[in-house]
Amino acid sequence: MMASEMFAAEKIKISLHGFVTLEVVGLDMKDDSDPVFDDAVAKRFFDGDEDQPNQKRMKTKPSLASVIREVVMVNFLENFCSALEPMLRRVVSEEVENGVRLISCMRSISRSPSLKIQAADHEQTSSLQLIFSKGLSLPIFTGTKIVDINNNPLQILLVDAKGGDMKIPTSLPHWIKVEIVVLDGDFDRPEFTWNKEEFDNKIVKERAGKRPLLTGELNITMRDGIVTVGEIEFTDNSSWIRSRKFRLGARVVAQGNSQNVRICEAMTEPFIVKDHRGELYKKHHPPALEDEVWRLEKIGKDGAFHRKLSSQGIKTVQDFLKLFSIDSSKLRKILGVGMSDKMWEVTLGHAKTCTLGSKLYRHCGHNYTLILNPICEIVKLEIGGQLYFAPDLKSMNTPYITNLIKDAYARWNSLEEVHEPALLTQGDMVVGEQQTQIMSFMGHSQSLITDGSSGGDGGAYDWF
């Protein structure tokens, strides 16, 4: 067999993932006019393709079979992917649609109160509601016990909205566990129109790295429709939330039966919580007689008004009110033009809310005894054995009585303190002819005072 007539036959079999099997026969042929090629082929054929160190090896070229194999593989993969793509698109589209449908269904359940009730094991609706019996005492400071407007512990009532009177507690035959929580101040919804999820979403937790926002007796048990809240207090101010205000809320977390009756949560009005250091400068509502005068509204501690009053010996709320009773124009002049009429009204109105208590003061003079309250207002006057009370003396505003009161004011530190609570509740007295007697006596006494002829304690003084 001549080398030029020889050919190399290669038989390949391509199996592509079990889909198709191809069989290809490749022929490597060379022109017989190339003697060098013929000799090399012959030599490789007969000598077993031994390496010849002194002869340059021929470069190998890809065979026809390998080229066909690659072309067939690429063509198959393209056809396979084209056929697979529509199926994958259909499967993905169906799964996405199912997912969207499921999410929409869950959202509708969470937003619909009726569906929520069904989803919550058929929770029963009712007209029962929790309420705080009274408003909170303001302002509120961190670390300070939260109390109601009467400085008493907070109380929570269970009421029936259909009963009419929202202050009468409704008793249930089982106990109720109530939790006190903090709400965002911007939870502004009409009373008792929210659902449980809306209420829970407005609960405010502490800031990262801080102590629990509200501490104390936060979980309490209600029986007979009423429960008193123990000591609770804030540990952080309200300045860090958007509304800058908090609310207190109360919600039912467990009931002593299996009916799962819906009880609407309680919520207070919004309020600001200030840091405890601000309590050192807070105003007292109402102020106490012994409070420093800067506790009154519009009078700042160590401010201009405070310094002016202190320079005139007006150091307490009692001092402020005593001078107002004796000479209001002098008090107004001390404060000066820096205090506007509107500010004056606010300050005076705040001072007048002061609780006077039951202490009374006795001032005795020549043939008279004067009983005054803690702010130098007359309560009782005894002259020449005749007794007169404040309502009777209001219609007899003579210079004589005015001077007696001013004299008592000037001698305040030497007055005798007495306790006669009954005098504070005396009604009007009809004195009839006694008015004439007292007017006559006052005229006589006044003449004695003005000419200084009296030798007793009712003599001439440096009147205001």
Protein backbone atom coordinates (compact mmCIF):
# COMPACT_ATOMS: atom_id res chain seq x y z
CA MET A 1 0.00 0.00 0.00
CA MET A 2 1.41 3.33 -1.09
CA ALA A 3 1.61 6.13 1.49
CA SER A 4 -0.20 8.52 -0.87
CA GLU A 5 -3.10 6.14 -1.03
CA MET A 6 -3.31 5.66 2.70
CA PHE A 7 -5.72 7.53 4.84
CA ALA A 8 -6.29 7.73 8.55
CA ALA A 9 -9.79 6.99 9.66
CA GLU A 10 -11.17 8.20 12.97
CA LYS A 11 -14.47 7.20 14.30
CA ILE A 12 -16.02 9.33 17.09
CA LYS A 13 -19.16 8.97 19.05
CA ILE A 14 -20.70 12.03 20.82
CA SER A 15 -23.28 11.46 23.49
CA LEU A 16 -24.99 14.62 24.77
CA HIS A 17 -26.72 14.07 28.09
CA GLY A 18 -28.62 11.08 26.77
CA PHE A 19 -30.50 13.14 24.15
CA VAL A 20 -28.66 12.25 20.96
CA THR A 21 -25.77 10.13 19.81
CA LEU A 22 -23.75 11.12 16.75
CA GLU A 23 -21.20 9.11 14.89
CA VAL A 24 -18.68 10.93 12.74
CA VAL A 25 -16.02 9.50 10.46
CA GLY A 26 -13.11 11.81 9.78
CA LEU A 27 -10.58 11.40 7.02
CA ASP A 28 -7.08 12.83 6.99
CA MET A 29 -5.84 12.84 3.42
CA LYS A 30 -2.76 14.33 1.83
CA ASP A 31 -1.71 14.90 -1.78
CA ASP A 32 0.47 12.03 -3.14
CA SER A 33 2.66 14.50 -4.89
CA ASP A 34 4.42 15.27 -1.59
CA PRO A 35 7.17 12.68 -1.29
CA VAL A 36 8.39 14.00 2.01
CA PHE A 37 4.97 13.59 3.47
CA ASP A 38 4.63 10.10 1.98
CA ASP A 39 7.94 9.01 3.45
CA ALA A 40 7.09 10.45 6.87
CA VAL A 41 3.73 8.78 6.92
CA ALA A 42 5.17 5.51 5.81
CA LYS A 43 7.92 5.70 8.36
CA ARG A 44 5.41 6.44 11.16
CA PHE A 45 3.19 3.66 9.92
CA PHE A 46 5.92 1.03 9.88
CA ASP A 47 8.28 2.28 12.63
CA GLY A 48 5.59 2.97 15.27
CA ASP A 49 6.02 6.79 15.39
CA GLU A 50 9.40 6.70 17.12
CA ASP A 51 10.92 9.99 17.98
CA GLN A 52 13.82 11.05 15.81
CA PRO A 53 16.12 13.39 17.73
CA ASN A 54 17.71 14.75 14.63
CA GLN A 55 14.52 15.31 12.71
CA LYS A 56 12.14 18.22 13.18
CA ARG A 57 8.70 17.15 14.28
CA MET A 58 5.71 18.31 12.34
CA LYS A 59 3.17 20.56 14.00
CA THR A 60 -0.12 18.87 14.93
CA LYS A 61 -3.31 20.32 13.48
CA PRO A 62 -6.85 19.86 14.83
CA SER A 63 -8.54 16.98 13.18
CA LEU A 64 -11.80 17.26 11.30
CA ALA A 65 -13.47 15.08 13.90
CA SER A 66 -12.59 17.42 16.80
CA VAL A 67 -13.83 20.44 14.89
CA ILE A 68 -17.11 18.72 14.05
CA ARG A 69 -17.44 17.60 17.67
CA GLU A 70 -17.13 21.19 18.98
CA VAL A 71 -19.52 22.58 16.39
CA VAL A 72 -22.13 19.96 17.19
CA MET A 73 -21.75 20.56 20.94
CA VAL A 74 -22.15 24.33 20.64
CA ASN A 75 -25.13 23.97 18.33
CA PHE A 76 -26.80 21.53 20.68
CA LEU A 77 -26.32 23.73 23.74
CA GLU A 78 -27.80 26.72 21.93
CA ASN A 79 -30.85 24.74 20.88
CA PHE A 80 -31.23 23.23 24.32
CA CYS A 81 -31.08 26.61 26.11
CA SER A 82 -33.54 28.11 23.62
CA ALA A 83 -35.99 25.33 24.36
CA LEU A 84 -35.45 25.54 28.17
CA GLU A 85 -35.81 29.35 28.53
CA PRO A 86 -39.64 29.58 28.00
CA MET A 87 -40.20 26.83 30.52
CA LEU A 88 -38.04 28.54 33.15
CA ARG A 89 -39.76 31.88 32.54
CA ARG A 90 -43.17 30.28 33.02
CA VAL A 91 -42.14 28.57 36.27
CA VAL A 92 -40.57 31.73 37.73
CA SER A 93 -43.57 33.86 36.73
CA GLU A 94 -45.99 31.45 38.41
CA GLU A 95 -43.96 31.39 41.64
CA VAL A 96 -43.70 35.19 41.76
CA GLU A 97 -47.45 35.54 41.26
CA ASN A 98 -48.12 33.07 44.05
CA GLY A 99 -45.76 34.97 46.38
CA VAL A 100 -47.37 38.34 45.65
CA ARG A 101 -50.83 36.88 46.16
CA LEU A 102 -49.78 35.46 49.56
CA ILE A 103 -48.28 38.79 50.74
CA SER A 104 -51.40 40.70 49.67
CA CYS A 105 -53.58 38.27 51.58
CA MET A 106 -51.47 38.65 54.74
CA ARG A 107 -51.60 42.45 54.52
CA SER A 108 -55.34 42.47 54.14
CA ILE A 109 -55.67 40.31 57.24
CA SER A 110 -53.42 42.60 59.27
CA ARG A 111 -55.27 45.76 58.17
CA SER A 112 -58.82 44.54 58.53
CA PRO A 113 -60.08 44.45 62.13
CA SER A 114 -62.70 41.86 61.24
CA LEU A 115 -60.16 39.53 59.65
CA LYS A 116 -57.77 40.11 62.51
CA ILE A 117 -60.41 39.03 64.98
CA GLN A 118 -61.04 35.87 62.97
CA ALA A 119 -57.34 35.18 62.73
CA ALA A 120 -56.92 35.68 66.47
CA ASP A 121 -58.95 32.65 67.36
CA HIS A 122 -62.26 34.45 66.93
CA GLU A 123 -61.54 37.11 69.55
CA GLN A 124 -64.83 38.49 70.84
CA THR A 125 -65.55 42.20 70.47
CA SER A 126 -67.05 44.21 73.31
CA SER A 127 -67.59 47.76 74.53
CA LEU A 128 -65.21 47.34 77.49
CA GLN A 129 -62.42 49.87 77.82
CA LEU A 130 -59.60 50.73 80.18
CA ILE A 131 -59.25 54.38 81.25
CA PHE A 132 -57.05 56.38 83.59
CA SER A 133 -59.37 57.79 86.25
CA LYS A 134 -57.60 61.19 86.37
CA GLY A 135 -55.04 63.17 84.44
CA LEU A 136 -51.34 63.23 85.30
CA SER A 137 -49.63 65.76 87.53
CA LEU A 138 -47.41 67.89 85.29
CA PRO A 139 -44.62 68.54 84.62
CA ILE A 140 -43.02 65.11 84.79
CA PHE A 141 -39.30 64.64 85.45
CA THR A 142 -37.05 61.62 85.13
CA GLY A 143 -36.59 59.71 88.36
CA THR A 144 -39.76 61.21 89.87
CA LYS A 145 -42.82 59.18 90.81
CA ILE A 146 -45.72 59.64 88.39
CA VAL A 147 -48.94 60.67 90.15
CA ASP A 148 -52.32 62.10 89.20
CA ILE A 149 -53.42 65.73 89.37
CA ASN A 150 -54.27 65.30 93.06
CA ASN A 151 -50.79 63.89 93.81
CA ASN A 152 -52.30 60.45 94.40
CA PRO A 153 -51.21 57.15 92.77
CA LEU A 154 -52.63 56.54 89.33
CA GLN A 155 -55.79 54.46 89.04
CA ILE A 156 -57.04 52.49 86.05
CA LEU A 157 -60.72 51.68 85.62
CA LEU A 158 -62.54 49.15 83.46
CA VAL A 159 -65.66 50.80 82.04
CA ASP A 160 -68.41 49.94 79.60
CA ALA A 161 -68.67 52.49 76.78
CA LYS A 162 -72.34 51.68 76.37
CA GLY A 163 -73.08 52.31 80.03
CA GLY A 164 -73.01 56.09 79.73
CA ASP A 165 -70.99 57.01 82.85
CA MET A 166 -67.31 56.49 82.08
CA LYS A 167 -66.29 56.94 85.73
CA ILE A 168 -68.18 53.93 87.10
CA PRO A 169 -66.03 50.78 86.98
CA THR A 170 -67.43 47.61 85.48
CA SER A 171 -66.71 44.45 87.41
CA LEU A 172 -65.85 41.17 85.67
CA PRO A 173 -66.02 37.74 87.33
CA HIS A 174 -62.34 37.09 86.56
CA TRP A 175 -59.03 38.89 87.01
CA ILE A 176 -57.27 40.89 84.30
CA LYS A 177 -53.53 41.36 83.88
CA VAL A 178 -52.73 44.94 82.85
CA GLU A 179 -49.40 46.27 81.57
CA ILE A 180 -48.32 49.92 81.70
CA VAL A 181 -46.44 51.02 78.57
CA VAL A 182 -45.03 54.21 77.02
CA LEU A 183 -46.58 55.47 73.79
CA ASP A 184 -45.44 57.99 71.22
CA GLY A 185 -47.02 61.37 71.80
CA ASP A 186 -48.12 61.62 68.16
CA PHE A 187 -50.55 58.71 68.53
CA ASP A 188 -53.45 61.07 67.94
CA ARG A 189 -56.55 59.01 67.30
CA PRO A 190 -60.17 59.61 68.32
CA GLU A 191 -60.82 58.03 71.68
CA PHE A 192 -61.01 54.22 71.60
CA THR A 193 -61.08 53.98 67.77
CA TRP A 194 -57.74 52.20 67.39
CA ASN A 195 -57.17 48.46 67.14
CA LYS A 196 -54.67 46.35 69.03
CA GLU A 197 -52.03 46.38 66.30
CA GLU A 198 -52.14 50.16 65.93
CA PHE A 199 -51.74 50.56 69.69
CA ASP A 200 -48.84 48.10 69.88
CA ASN A 201 -47.04 49.78 66.97
CA LYS A 202 -46.93 53.07 68.91
CA ILE A 203 -45.22 51.61 71.98
CA VAL A 204 -41.88 53.34 72.60
CA LYS A 205 -38.88 51.39 73.84
CA GLU A 206 -35.71 52.68 75.41
CA ARG A 207 -32.83 54.07 73.39
CA ALA A 208 -29.93 51.78 72.55
CA GLY A 209 -27.66 51.36 75.53
CA LYS A 210 -30.14 52.97 77.94
CA ARG A 211 -32.08 51.58 80.87
CA PRO A 212 -35.73 50.56 80.36
CA LEU A 213 -37.65 53.74 79.56
CA LEU A 214 -40.27 53.15 82.29
CA THR A 215 -39.47 51.37 85.54
CA GLY A 216 -41.48 50.28 88.56
CA GLU A 217 -44.66 48.27 88.97
CA LEU A 218 -45.59 47.96 85.30
CA ASN A 219 -47.61 44.71 85.48
CA ILE A 220 -50.64 44.79 87.76
CA THR A 221 -53.74 42.66 88.34
CA MET A 222 -57.18 44.23 88.11
CA ARG A 223 -60.14 42.92 90.07
CA ASP A 224 -63.61 44.40 90.39
CA GLY A 225 -62.92 46.84 87.57
CA ILE A 226 -60.31 48.98 89.35
CA VAL A 227 -56.59 48.82 90.09
CA THR A 228 -54.08 51.23 91.62
CA VAL A 229 -50.74 51.65 89.90
CA GLY A 230 -47.69 51.41 92.12
CA GLU A 231 -44.60 53.59 91.87
CA ILE A 232 -43.49 54.09 88.27
CA GLU A 233 -41.02 56.60 86.85
CA PHE A 234 -39.26 57.53 83.64
CA THR A 235 -35.52 57.03 83.23
CA ASP A 236 -35.12 59.15 80.09
CA ASN A 237 -36.54 62.41 78.76
CA SER A 238 -38.81 62.70 75.71
CA SER A 239 -36.66 65.05 73.62
CA TRP A 240 -35.20 62.30 71.42
CA ILE A 241 -38.40 61.25 69.62
CA ARG A 242 -39.94 63.21 66.76
CA SER A 243 -43.03 64.39 68.67
CA ARG A 244 -40.89 65.19 71.76
CA LYS A 245 -43.78 63.90 73.89
CA PHE A 246 -44.84 60.64 75.51
CA ARG A 247 -48.16 59.15 76.54
CA LEU A 248 -48.84 56.51 79.14
CA GLY A 249 -50.85 53.54 77.99
CA ALA A 250 -52.41 50.51 79.65
CA ARG A 251 -53.24 47.27 77.85
CA VAL A 252 -54.64 43.88 78.80
CA VAL A 253 -52.06 41.10 78.45
CA ALA A 254 -53.99 38.21 80.04
CA GLN A 255 -57.45 37.36 81.36
CA GLY A 256 -58.65 34.83 83.88
CA ASN A 257 -60.95 33.11 81.40
CA SER A 258 -60.82 31.54 77.95
CA GLN A 259 -63.29 33.83 76.17
CA ASN A 260 -60.55 36.23 74.94
CA VAL A 261 -62.81 39.28 75.09
CA ARG A 262 -61.38 42.38 73.41
CA ILE A 263 -60.80 45.22 75.94
CA CYS A 264 -59.73 48.53 74.46
CA GLU A 265 -56.51 50.04 75.77
CA ALA A 266 -56.23 53.21 77.90
CA MET A 267 -54.15 56.22 76.94
CA THR A 268 -53.31 59.55 78.60
CA GLU A 269 -52.89 62.95 77.02
CA PRO A 270 -49.40 63.67 75.58
CA PHE A 271 -46.84 65.21 77.92
CA ILE A 272 -43.19 66.21 78.02
CA VAL A 273 -40.71 64.39 80.24
CA LYS A 274 -37.83 66.58 81.40
CA ASP A 275 -34.50 65.63 82.94
CA HIS A 276 -34.42 65.50 86.73
CA ARG A 277 -32.04 68.45 86.93
CA GLY A 278 -34.89 70.62 85.60
CA GLU A 279 -36.90 69.79 88.71
CA LEU A 280 -34.61 72.05 90.70
CA TYR A 281 -36.12 75.00 88.84
CA LYS A 282 -39.68 73.81 88.31
CA LYS A 283 -42.73 75.78 89.37
CA HIS A 284 -45.04 74.29 91.97
CA HIS A 285 -48.71 73.86 91.20
CA PRO A 286 -50.13 74.90 93.55
CA PRO A 287 -47.33 76.73 95.33
CA ALA A 288 -46.88 76.37 99.08
CA LEU A 289 -46.68 79.31 101.46
CA GLU A 290 -43.10 78.43 102.38
CA ASP A 291 -41.97 78.06 98.75
CA GLU A 292 -39.37 80.51 97.58
CA VAL A 293 -40.89 83.30 95.55
CA TRP A 294 -39.16 82.22 92.32
CA ARG A 295 -41.42 79.15 92.31
CA LEU A 296 -44.12 81.47 91.00
CA GLU A 297 -44.71 81.73 87.28
CA LYS A 298 -42.75 84.44 85.41
CA ILE A 299 -40.25 84.81 88.26
CA GLY A 300 -36.99 83.05 87.41
CA LYS A 301 -34.54 81.86 90.00
CA ASP A 302 -31.83 84.50 90.49
CA GLY A 303 -33.48 86.56 87.76
CA ALA A 304 -34.23 90.29 87.81
CA PHE A 305 -37.65 89.93 89.45
CA HIS A 306 -36.28 87.54 92.04
CA ARG A 307 -33.49 89.97 92.98
CA LYS A 308 -35.88 92.93 93.22
CA LEU A 309 -38.25 91.08 95.51
CA SER A 310 -35.45 89.70 97.69
CA SER A 311 -34.01 93.19 98.16
CA GLN A 312 -37.36 94.23 99.69
CA GLY A 313 -37.59 91.21 101.98
CA ILE A 314 -40.06 89.32 99.76
CA LYS A 315 -38.45 85.88 99.88
CA THR A 316 -41.40 83.43 100.01
CA VAL A 317 -44.80 83.04 98.40
CA GLN A 318 -46.33 84.00 101.76
CA ASP A 319 -44.34 87.25 101.78
CA PHE A 320 -45.55 87.97 98.26
CA LEU A 321 -49.21 87.46 99.14
CA LYS A 322 -48.98 89.39 102.43
CA LEU A 323 -47.66 92.48 100.69
CA PHE A 324 -50.27 92.13 97.97
CA SER A 325 -53.01 92.11 100.66
CA ILE A 326 -51.59 95.19 102.37
CA ASP A 327 -50.36 97.28 99.43
CA SER A 328 -50.72 95.75 95.97
CA SER A 329 -49.49 98.90 94.23
CA LYS A 330 -46.22 98.77 96.17
CA LEU A 331 -45.68 95.16 95.16
CA ARG A 332 -46.35 96.01 91.53
CA LYS A 333 -43.91 98.91 91.72
CA ILE A 334 -41.17 96.66 93.14
CA LEU A 335 -41.39 94.37 90.11
CA GLY A 336 -41.13 97.38 87.83
CA VAL A 337 -42.00 97.98 84.19
CA GLY A 338 -40.06 94.88 83.14
CA MET A 339 -43.04 92.80 84.19
CA SER A 340 -45.90 93.46 81.78
CA ASP A 341 -49.52 93.52 82.87
CA LYS A 342 -50.04 90.11 81.30
CA MET A 343 -47.09 88.65 83.19
CA TRP A 344 -48.34 90.25 86.40
CA GLU A 345 -51.73 88.60 85.99
CA VAL A 346 -50.10 85.21 85.43
CA THR A 347 -47.83 85.55 88.46
CA LEU A 348 -50.61 86.80 90.71
CA GLY A 349 -53.03 84.15 89.50
CA HIS A 350 -50.50 81.44 90.25
CA ALA A 351 -49.81 82.83 93.72
CA LYS A 352 -53.51 82.92 94.58
CA THR A 353 -53.80 79.15 94.03
CA CYS A 354 -51.69 78.68 97.15
CA THR A 355 -53.24 76.59 99.91
CA LEU A 356 -53.45 78.69 103.08
CA GLY A 357 -53.88 75.92 105.61
CA SER A 358 -55.47 76.36 109.06
CA LYS A 359 -52.96 78.61 110.82
CA LEU A 360 -54.23 81.96 112.11
CA TYR A 361 -52.47 84.89 113.78
CA ARG A 362 -53.68 87.08 116.66
CA HIS A 363 -52.85 90.76 116.99
CA CYS A 364 -54.02 92.48 120.17
CA GLY A 365 -54.24 96.21 120.80
CA HIS A 366 -56.10 98.71 122.98
CA ASN A 367 -59.64 97.39 123.34
CA TYR A 368 -59.43 95.20 120.21
CA THR A 369 -58.28 91.78 119.06
CA LEU A 370 -57.56 91.07 115.38
CA ILE A 371 -57.38 87.56 113.89
CA LEU A 372 -55.64 87.24 110.51
CA ASN A 373 -55.00 84.41 108.08
CA PRO A 374 -51.43 83.57 106.85
CA ILE A 375 -51.51 86.22 104.09
CA CYS A 376 -52.62 89.04 106.38
CA GLU A 377 -56.30 89.02 105.49
CA ILE A 378 -58.73 89.75 108.32
CA VAL A 379 -60.77 86.81 109.61
CA LYS A 380 -62.26 88.17 112.86
CA LEU A 381 -62.26 91.41 114.77
CA GLU A 382 -63.33 91.95 118.39
CA ILE A 383 -63.87 95.56 119.45
CA GLY A 384 -65.30 96.60 122.81
CA GLY A 385 -66.67 93.14 123.42
CA GLN A 386 -68.44 93.04 120.02
CA LEU A 387 -67.39 90.28 117.59
CA TYR A 388 -67.36 90.76 113.83
CA PHE A 389 -66.28 88.38 111.06
CA ALA A 390 -64.74 89.10 107.66
CA PRO A 391 -68.01 89.20 105.64
CA ASP A 392 -69.36 91.93 107.92
CA LEU A 393 -66.19 94.00 107.75
CA LYS A 394 -66.06 94.04 103.94
CA SER A 395 -68.92 96.55 103.87
CA MET A 396 -67.19 98.72 106.48
CA ASN A 397 -63.87 99.41 104.80
CA THR A 398 -62.78 102.24 107.07
CA PRO A 399 -59.26 103.66 107.46
CA TYR A 400 -59.38 102.47 111.07
CA ILE A 401 -59.58 98.77 110.10
CA THR A 402 -57.00 99.28 107.37
CA ASN A 403 -54.56 100.76 109.84
CA LEU A 404 -55.14 97.89 112.29
CA ILE A 405 -54.21 95.39 109.56
CA LYS A 406 -51.14 97.40 108.56
CA ASP A 407 -50.04 97.54 112.15
CA ALA A 408 -50.36 93.75 112.41
CA TYR A 409 -48.32 93.39 109.19
CA ALA A 410 -45.55 95.57 110.60
CA ARG A 411 -45.46 93.45 113.78
CA TRP A 412 -45.91 90.09 111.97
CA ASN A 413 -42.99 88.31 113.61
CA SER A 414 -44.40 89.05 117.07
CA LEU A 415 -47.96 87.89 116.36
CA GLU A 416 -49.36 84.98 118.30
CA GLU A 417 -50.11 81.89 116.25
CA VAL A 418 -53.50 80.30 116.92
CA HIS A 419 -55.49 77.38 115.50
CA GLU A 420 -59.17 78.12 114.99
CA PRO A 421 -60.27 76.25 111.82
CA ALA A 422 -63.95 77.04 112.46
CA LEU A 423 -63.27 80.72 111.78
CA LEU A 424 -62.40 79.99 108.17
CA THR A 425 -65.90 78.70 107.46
CA GLN A 426 -68.01 81.35 109.19
CA GLY A 427 -71.00 82.52 107.16
CA ASP A 428 -72.33 86.01 106.74
CA MET A 429 -73.62 87.65 109.93
CA VAL A 430 -76.38 90.21 110.08
CA VAL A 431 -75.27 92.69 112.69
CA GLY A 432 -78.12 95.19 112.43
CA GLU A 433 -77.71 97.87 115.05
CA GLN A 434 -74.22 96.65 115.91
CA GLN A 435 -72.94 98.22 112.68
CA THR A 436 -73.85 101.64 114.03
CA GLN A 437 -72.06 100.88 117.29
CA ILE A 438 -68.86 99.75 115.57
CA MET A 439 -68.88 102.71 113.17
CA SER A 440 -69.20 105.08 116.14
CA PHE A 441 -66.45 103.29 118.02
CA MET A 442 -64.19 103.31 114.95
CA GLY A 443 -64.64 107.02 114.52
CA HIS A 444 -63.70 107.63 118.16
CA SER A 445 -60.70 105.30 117.97
CA GLN A 446 -59.52 106.82 114.73
CA SER A 447 -59.39 110.26 116.35
CA LEU A 448 -57.33 108.81 119.16
CA ILE A 449 -54.90 107.27 116.69
CA THR A 450 -54.41 110.40 114.64
CA ASP A 451 -53.75 112.77 117.53
CA GLY A 452 -51.59 110.25 119.41
CA SER A 453 -53.52 110.73 122.71
CA SER A 454 -53.95 107.03 123.34
CA GLY A 455 -51.50 105.55 125.71
CA GLY A 456 -52.16 101.94 124.71
CA ASP A 457 -50.89 99.70 121.95
CA GLY A 458 -53.33 101.35 119.56
CA GLY A 459 -51.32 104.59 119.57
CA ALA A 460 -49.77 106.32 116.62
CA TYR A 461 -47.52 104.26 114.32
CA ASP A 462 -45.69 104.85 111.08
CA TRP A 463 -48.46 103.54 108.84
CA PHE A 464 -47.74 102.26 105.34
